[in-house]
């Protein structure tokens, strides 16, 4: 019986623009979003969600 299905949206199922995501987080007040959402390594809550 299948209990869980995991999707990897980051460029696999949906084309997500990193630059748009960074700008949106900066508009919400996360000024260091660019460093937290590095193309290869995430930090803070973004790493915790990974």
PDB file of N, CA and C in Angstrom:
ATOM      1  N   UNK A   1       0.837  -1.176   0.000  1.00  0.00           N
ATOM      2  CA  UNK A   1       0.000   0.000   0.000  1.00  0.00           C
ATOM      3  C   UNK A   1       0.890   1.249   0.000  1.00  0.00           C
ATOM      4  N   UNK A   2       0.621   2.172  -0.893  1.00  0.00           N
ATOM      5  CA  UNK A   2       1.373   3.417  -0.980  1.00  0.00           C
ATOM      6  C   UNK A   2       0.816   4.392   0.049  1.00  0.00           C
ATOM      7  N   UNK A   3       1.703   4.914   0.914  1.00  0.00           N
ATOM      8  CA  UNK A   3       1.280   5.861   1.944  1.00  0.00           C
ATOM      9  C   UNK A   3       1.667   7.294   1.599  1.00  0.00           C
ATOM     10  N   UNK A   4       2.788   7.469   0.919  1.00  0.00           N
ATOM     11  CA  UNK A   4       3.279   8.813   0.618  1.00  0.00           C
ATOM     12  C   UNK A   4       3.810   8.886  -0.800  1.00  0.00           C
ATOM     13  N   UNK A   5       3.623  10.048  -1.389  1.00  0.00           N
ATOM     14  CA  UNK A   5       4.212  10.341  -2.692  1.00  0.00           C
ATOM     15  C   UNK A   5       4.956  11.661  -2.542  1.00  0.00           C
ATOM     16  N   UNK A   6       6.207  11.692  -2.971  1.00  0.00           N
ATOM     17  CA  UNK A   6       7.023  12.889  -2.849  1.00  0.00           C
ATOM     18  C   UNK A   6       7.281  13.449  -4.242  1.00  0.00           C
ATOM     19  N   UNK A   7       7.082  14.742  -4.396  1.00  0.00           N
ATOM     20  CA  UNK A   7       7.323  15.410  -5.661  1.00  0.00           C
ATOM     21  C   UNK A   7       8.498  16.366  -5.518  1.00  0.00           C
ATOM     22  N   UNK A   8       9.332  16.452  -6.523  1.00  0.00           N
ATOM     23  CA  UNK A   8      10.424  17.408  -6.570  1.00  0.00           C
ATOM     24  C   UNK A   8      10.046  18.459  -7.604  1.00  0.00           C
ATOM     25  N   UNK A   9       9.516  19.587  -7.145  1.00  0.00           N
ATOM     26  CA  UNK A   9       9.042  20.613  -8.059  1.00  0.00           C
ATOM     27  C   UNK A   9      10.155  21.447  -8.670  1.00  0.00           C
ATOM     28  N   UNK A  10      11.287  21.564  -8.016  1.00  0.00           N
ATOM     29  CA  UNK A  10      12.367  22.454  -8.436  1.00  0.00           C
ATOM     30  C   UNK A  10      12.970  22.125  -9.787  1.00  0.00           C
ATOM     31  N   UNK A  11      12.277  22.457 -10.839  1.00  0.00           N
ATOM     32  CA  UNK A  11      12.798  22.245 -12.183  1.00  0.00           C
ATOM     33  C   UNK A  11      12.535  20.859 -12.734  1.00  0.00           C
ATOM     34  N   UNK A  12      11.857  20.016 -11.974  1.00  0.00           N
ATOM     35  CA  UNK A  12      11.558  18.665 -12.444  1.00  0.00           C
ATOM     36  C   UNK A  12      10.128  18.604 -12.965  1.00  0.00           C
ATOM     37  N   UNK A  13       9.186  18.957 -12.118  1.00  0.00           N
ATOM     38  CA  UNK A  13       7.770  18.918 -12.512  1.00  0.00           C
ATOM     39  C   UNK A  13       7.312  20.290 -13.005  1.00  0.00           C
ATOM     40  N   UNK A  14       7.751  21.331 -12.325  1.00  0.00           N
ATOM     41  CA  UNK A  14       7.369  22.688 -12.694  1.00  0.00           C
ATOM     42  C   UNK A  14       8.622  23.530 -12.881  1.00  0.00           C
ATOM     43  N   UNK A  15       8.589  24.417 -13.847  1.00  0.00           N
ATOM     44  CA  UNK A  15       9.719  25.311 -14.088  1.00  0.00           C
ATOM     45  C   UNK A  15       9.589  26.491 -13.132  1.00  0.00           C
ATOM     46  N   UNK A  16      10.410  26.501 -12.088  1.00  0.00           N
ATOM     47  CA  UNK A  16      10.359  27.554 -11.078  1.00  0.00           C
ATOM     48  C   UNK A  16      11.513  28.511 -11.302  1.00  0.00           C
ATOM     49  N   UNK A  17      11.201  29.785 -11.392  1.00  0.00           N
ATOM     50  CA  UNK A  17      12.226  30.808 -11.603  1.00  0.00           C
ATOM     51  C   UNK A  17      12.847  31.180 -10.264  1.00  0.00           C
ATOM     52  N   UNK A  18      14.123  30.891 -10.093  1.00  0.00           N
ATOM     53  CA  UNK A  18      14.826  31.228  -8.855  1.00  0.00           C
ATOM     54  C   UNK A  18      14.830  32.736  -8.638  1.00  0.00           C
ATOM     55  N   UNK A  19      15.066  33.491  -9.696  1.00  0.00           N
ATOM     56  CA  UNK A  19      15.138  34.951  -9.568  1.00  0.00           C
ATOM     57  C   UNK A  19      13.805  35.539  -9.102  1.00  0.00           C
ATOM     58  N   UNK A  20      12.705  35.027  -9.614  1.00  0.00           N
ATOM     59  CA  UNK A  20      11.394  35.516  -9.181  1.00  0.00           C
ATOM     60  C   UNK A  20      11.129  35.142  -7.730  1.00  0.00           C
ATOM     61  N   UNK A  21      11.560  33.953  -7.336  1.00  0.00           N
ATOM     62  CA  UNK A  21      11.384  33.526  -5.947  1.00  0.00           C
ATOM     63  C   UNK A  21      12.195  34.408  -5.011  1.00  0.00           C
ATOM     64  N   UNK A  22      13.438  34.719  -5.389  1.00  0.00           N
ATOM     65  CA  UNK A  22      14.298  35.579  -4.567  1.00  0.00           C
ATOM     66  C   UNK A  22      13.659  36.959  -4.422  1.00  0.00           C
ATOM     67  N   UNK A  23      13.196  37.533  -5.529  1.00  0.00           N
ATOM     68  CA  UNK A  23      12.557  38.855  -5.471  1.00  0.00           C
ATOM     69  C   UNK A  23      11.318  38.838  -4.581  1.00  0.00           C
ATOM     70  N   UNK A  24      10.521  37.785  -4.683  1.00  0.00           N
ATOM     71  CA  UNK A  24       9.305  37.692  -3.867  1.00  0.00           C
ATOM     72  C   UNK A  24       9.642  37.609  -2.381  1.00  0.00           C
ATOM     73  N   UNK A  25      10.655  36.826  -2.031  1.00  0.00           N
ATOM     74  CA  UNK A  25      11.052  36.738  -0.632  1.00  0.00           C
ATOM     75  C   UNK A  25      11.635  38.059  -0.145  1.00  0.00           C
ATOM     76  N   UNK A  26      12.366  38.770  -1.008  1.00  0.00           N
ATOM     77  CA  UNK A  26      12.900  40.074  -0.619  1.00  0.00           C
ATOM     78  C   UNK A  26      11.779  41.070  -0.389  1.00  0.00           C
ATOM     79  N   UNK A  27      10.728  41.009  -1.203  1.00  0.00           N
ATOM     80  CA  UNK A  27       9.574  41.886  -1.010  1.00  0.00           C
ATOM     81  C   UNK A  27       8.862  41.580   0.300  1.00  0.00           C
ATOM     82  N   UNK A  28       8.953  40.332   0.752  1.00  0.00           N
ATOM     83  CA  UNK A  28       8.351  39.949   2.034  1.00  0.00           C
ATOM     84  C   UNK A  28       9.240  40.313   3.217  1.00  0.00           C
ATOM     85  N   UNK A  29      10.457  40.803   2.938  1.00  0.00           N
ATOM     86  CA  UNK A  29      11.321  41.258   4.011  1.00  0.00           C
ATOM     87  C   UNK A  29      12.561  40.415   4.242  1.00  0.00           C
ATOM     88  N   UNK A  30      12.750  39.340   3.513  1.00  0.00           N
ATOM     89  CA  UNK A  30      13.937  38.494   3.662  1.00  0.00           C
ATOM     90  C   UNK A  30      15.020  39.046   2.735  1.00  0.00           C
ATOM     91  N   UNK A  31      15.772  40.026   3.226  1.00  0.00           N
ATOM     92  CA  UNK A  31      16.732  40.736   2.387  1.00  0.00           C
ATOM     93  C   UNK A  31      17.902  39.875   1.930  1.00  0.00           C
ATOM     94  N   UNK A  32      18.243  38.817   2.671  1.00  0.00           N
ATOM     95  CA  UNK A  32      19.351  37.950   2.254  1.00  0.00           C
ATOM     96  C   UNK A  32      18.857  36.702   1.522  1.00  0.00           C
ATOM     97  N   UNK A  33      17.704  36.822   0.880  1.00  0.00           N
ATOM     98  CA  UNK A  33      17.120  35.686   0.158  1.00  0.00           C
ATOM     99  C   UNK A  33      18.054  35.168  -0.931  1.00  0.00           C
ATOM    100  N   UNK A  34      18.815  36.056  -1.540  1.00  0.00           N
ATOM    101  CA  UNK A  34      19.719  35.645  -2.619  1.00  0.00           C
ATOM    102  C   UNK A  34      20.790  34.677  -2.115  1.00  0.00           C
ATOM    103  N   UNK A  35      21.309  34.903  -0.927  1.00  0.00           N
ATOM    104  CA  UNK A  35      22.318  33.993  -0.387  1.00  0.00           C
ATOM    105  C   UNK A  35      21.689  32.743   0.219  1.00  0.00           C
ATOM    106  N   UNK A  36      20.498  32.871   0.769  1.00  0.00           N
ATOM    107  CA  UNK A  36      19.819  31.703   1.353  1.00  0.00           C
ATOM    108  C   UNK A  36      19.331  30.742   0.277  1.00  0.00           C
ATOM    109  N   UNK A  37      18.993  31.276  -0.897  1.00  0.00           N
ATOM    110  CA  UNK A  37      18.518  30.454  -2.005  1.00  0.00           C
ATOM    111  C   UNK A  37      19.572  30.365  -3.099  1.00  0.00           C
ATOM    112  N   UNK A  38      20.777  30.006  -2.724  1.00  0.00           N
ATOM    113  CA  UNK A  38      21.855  29.817  -3.681  1.00  0.00           C
ATOM    114  C   UNK A  38      21.451  28.734  -4.684  1.00  0.00           C
ATOM    115  N   UNK A  39      21.990  28.778  -5.877  1.00  0.00           N
ATOM    116  CA  UNK A  39      21.625  27.792  -6.902  1.00  0.00           C
ATOM    117  C   UNK A  39      21.993  26.366  -6.515  1.00  0.00           C
ATOM    118  N   UNK A  40      22.996  26.214  -5.654  1.00  0.00           N
ATOM    119  CA  UNK A  40      23.481  24.873  -5.330  1.00  0.00           C
ATOM    120  C   UNK A  40      23.309  24.503  -3.871  1.00  0.00           C
ATOM    121  N   UNK A  41      23.242  25.492  -2.976  1.00  0.00           N
ATOM    122  CA  UNK A  41      23.106  25.215  -1.549  1.00  0.00           C
ATOM    123  C   UNK A  41      22.113  26.188  -0.929  1.00  0.00           C
ATOM    124  N   UNK A  42      21.213  25.674  -0.119  1.00  0.00           N
ATOM    125  CA  UNK A  42      20.280  26.524   0.588  1.00  0.00           C
ATOM    126  C   UNK A  42      20.681  26.571   2.063  1.00  0.00           C
ATOM    127  N   UNK A  43      20.277  27.640   2.756  1.00  0.00           N
ATOM    128  CA  UNK A  43      20.544  27.755   4.177  1.00  0.00           C
ATOM    129  C   UNK A  43      19.263  28.129   4.904  1.00  0.00           C
ATOM    130  N   UNK A  44      19.316  28.039   6.210  1.00  0.00           N
ATOM    131  CA  UNK A  44      18.175  28.426   7.023  1.00  0.00           C
ATOM    132  C   UNK A  44      16.971  27.528   6.778  1.00  0.00           C
ATOM    133  N   UNK A  45      15.812  28.134   6.758  1.00  0.00           N
ATOM    134  CA  UNK A  45      14.572  27.368   6.603  1.00  0.00           C
ATOM    135  C   UNK A  45      14.504  26.650   5.257  1.00  0.00           C
ATOM    136  N   UNK A  46      15.159  27.207   4.247  1.00  0.00           N
ATOM    137  CA  UNK A  46      15.143  26.561   2.942  1.00  0.00           C
ATOM    138  C   UNK A  46      15.892  25.232   2.970  1.00  0.00           C
ATOM    139  N   UNK A  47      17.002  25.182   3.700  1.00  0.00           N
ATOM    140  CA  UNK A  47      17.730  23.917   3.858  1.00  0.00           C
ATOM    141  C   UNK A  47      16.918  22.936   4.701  1.00  0.00           C
ATOM    142  N   UNK A  48      16.246  23.454   5.733  1.00  0.00           N
ATOM    143  CA  UNK A  48      15.438  22.576   6.582  1.00  0.00           C
ATOM    144  C   UNK A  48      14.318  21.926   5.784  1.00  0.00           C
ATOM    145  N   UNK A  49      13.741  22.652   4.824  1.00  0.00           N
ATOM    146  CA  UNK A  49      12.672  22.107   4.000  1.00  0.00           C
ATOM    147  C   UNK A  49      13.195  21.117   2.964  1.00  0.00           C
ATOM    148  N   UNK A  50      14.445  21.297   2.547  1.00  0.00           N
ATOM    149  CA  UNK A  50      15.049  20.360   1.593  1.00  0.00           C
ATOM    150  C   UNK A  50      15.155  19.017   2.237  1.00  0.00           C
TER     151      UNK A  50
END
